[in-house]
Amino acid sequence: MQPGTAGGHTDPLESCSPCRHQAVSGRYAELAQRELSAFPSQNDYVTSHKTLKRFGSSEKTDCETCSILPNEGKGKEHPFQVGSPNQESKPVSLSWLRVSAQQPTLYKKRVGSRTAMLPDRKIYPLLSRPSQKSGLKPLPVVIIGNGPSGICLSYLLSGYTPYFKRESLHPHPILQRKLEEAPGVSILDQDLDYLSEGLEGRSDSPVALLFDALQHPDTDFGGTAESVLTWWHEPSRAIPHLVLGRNAPGGAWHSIEGSMVTLSRGEWMGLPDLPFKEWLKQKRRGLRNNRATAEDIAQYYQHYVMKKGLQKNFRCGTVVTSVRKVSAESISNHAQKDLQESSGSLWNSSEQSTEVFQVDGFFKTVEGDKEPFSIYAENVVLATGTYDSPTWLGVKGENLSYVHHQLSALEKAVKNNSIGIMSDPVLIVGAGLTAADAILFAHHCNIPVIHVFRRRVSDPGLIFNQLPKMMYPEYHKVHQMMKEQTAACAGPYECYISLPEHHVLSFGKDKKCIIQDKNGCQKAYKISMALVLTGSNPNLSFLPNNGMDLAMDSEQPVSPKRNPIDVDPFTYECTQEKGLYALGPLAGDNFVRFVQGGALAAASSLAKRANKNPP
């Protein structure tokens, strides 16, 4: 299982942002609040929940982090504009909090700020409005989305710089020769087009192949060579930026049921300079058939943000509602300061654009209020993934209460005992991995299933025909069921019927579903509930025309598989909008291991635009 393009798993090995099992565990204890008079040390920011006990229970939770917070100092203001250009300009400040390892209590001190409780029941810092005025320049970069793409780009924009490791030997001789030509020059400052020329692999992006080849040399051929990169933290190269996300760092990975394993190999889920397998060893756990659990991945991404000191750039629990270009002159008296202190930053503040982006949105406070905000930015990076909007069939009755579009609905129904062994069958529509997960879950619970899908079982485009049987035995089992247990031919699997080359015509109020085969024959089935698991699409409603103007085909909606956003392959800047970038599935990259190449390209472009430290 791998998050990403949803039913839209575009590759047999992985995709980028979660597409299965929307589930909120609600496992963490309610944390009490009280004022803290002393400024906390860096170690106070994150405390393992393993030291915190649930109320009324000796059981310990196993969440890796408790909060994502910056080491800013007491009352330190994070100034970027809140409000529209015609409003009084006000900087934003950040509250900080601390968790005690001795008791399940959250210590929080507010400095004219707000906080939000996310679905994981953690408190995160948000934007707020102190009373001081500000009249400074827009933020250089705003990243929308805090999944793997956003985290990796934040790492690169924070001054972490990759260099070719001296005395390293890459198995690709031509790439080795190119790297040796400028060993003292950062990869960010080199010609990515030149370095990536001639590379081949499982991605269509040359920079994605390049970065993956540098981090995982020869991995597709079973090689175990170490990365040929070494990383240096150069604060003077940092570009002030902000990362906005609905969830905790890691994005939609936090919405996947934690015990599910990734479709991709575990070592491919890591981010730069912190191998996932090494982090897992520290937790005294290993990979299951070289695959990781969703819970481990989510915790790893949170830990990564902390470990690399990126938390000061992240604002969680925020929802972006609009991104549009506005005149720079109209906000010249209302723009915000840099997110970070700009002394030593390479960003060239003397370069002024005639237009900037206005990013509007809101965040939810602990009290449940929606607080609006506006941010002005020179550049905006879209890294939202594709998990937002499940695909609908568009048939009559699909909006009835028993028709669902997420696997979590089945899990909830089983938990509530609303369906069981004696229930009418559950209808599962789709032939992707999410549908397979639903079949496996229902089969485990002895719940009868009617499985409907349009393709032939032998269709080479079917994901099951692309997966190695030895590596993915559970999906091979589902494929066997699809072949051997059809309505016309009974097989060895009880409580399951496969209907290949069929499609749904309608859902009735009486819970009867009309299904039609390839010959036009129709049949009604009585069901208990329906799960339409045919994929998902990105939600770009905050962009003009839902982002369609940015796509390869501007007449069709943005789709990672069929119609991604049109970007320059070596900068990932949108070809139709200067200053707007797109990463991950939005740009057609559906591997966690490959989305990092897009972050490298964008970071390189932004650094070169700063006009310092040229190659």
Foldseek 3Di string as FASTA:
>chain_A
DEAFQFLPQVDLAYFFHHHAFQDQDLPDAQAAEDADDDQDDLVQQWDAQQLEAHVPDRDTDGFGTQEQDANQDPLHAQFWFWDDLVDFTFGWGKWGWGADSNYRHIYTDDNQFFWAQASNRHIYIATGGDDDGDQDAFAAEEEEAQALLNLLLLLLLQQKFKFFAPPDDAPPVVLRVVNVVCRPATPLQDDQCVNQPPFDDDDPFSLLSNLLCQQQPPVVVVDDDHHRIDIDRDNLAHGFYAYEAQAQRNHCLSRHDFADKGSHFQQLLDHPPDGLQVVCVVVVDHADLRIHTSSSSSSRRNVVCSVSSSSLRYHYQKDWQAKDKDACVSNSRRGIDGSDPCVSYLFAPVDDDRIWIKIKTWGQGHVGDTHITIGTHRFYEYEHGWNPFADDPPAAPCPPPQHAAGLNVVVVCVVVVVFAQPFFAEEEERQGVNSLVSVVVCLVRNGAYEYEYQADLPPCVRSLVNDDCVSCVSSVVVSVCQPQPAPVHHHDRPRYHHQYNKDWRYADPQQWTWIAHPVGDIDIGRGRGYHYRSGTGHQQNNYVVSCLCQWPHSVDHQRLVPIAGDADSQQQAGPVDPRYHYFGSNRNHTGSSSSSSNSSSNSSVSSVVSVPPHD
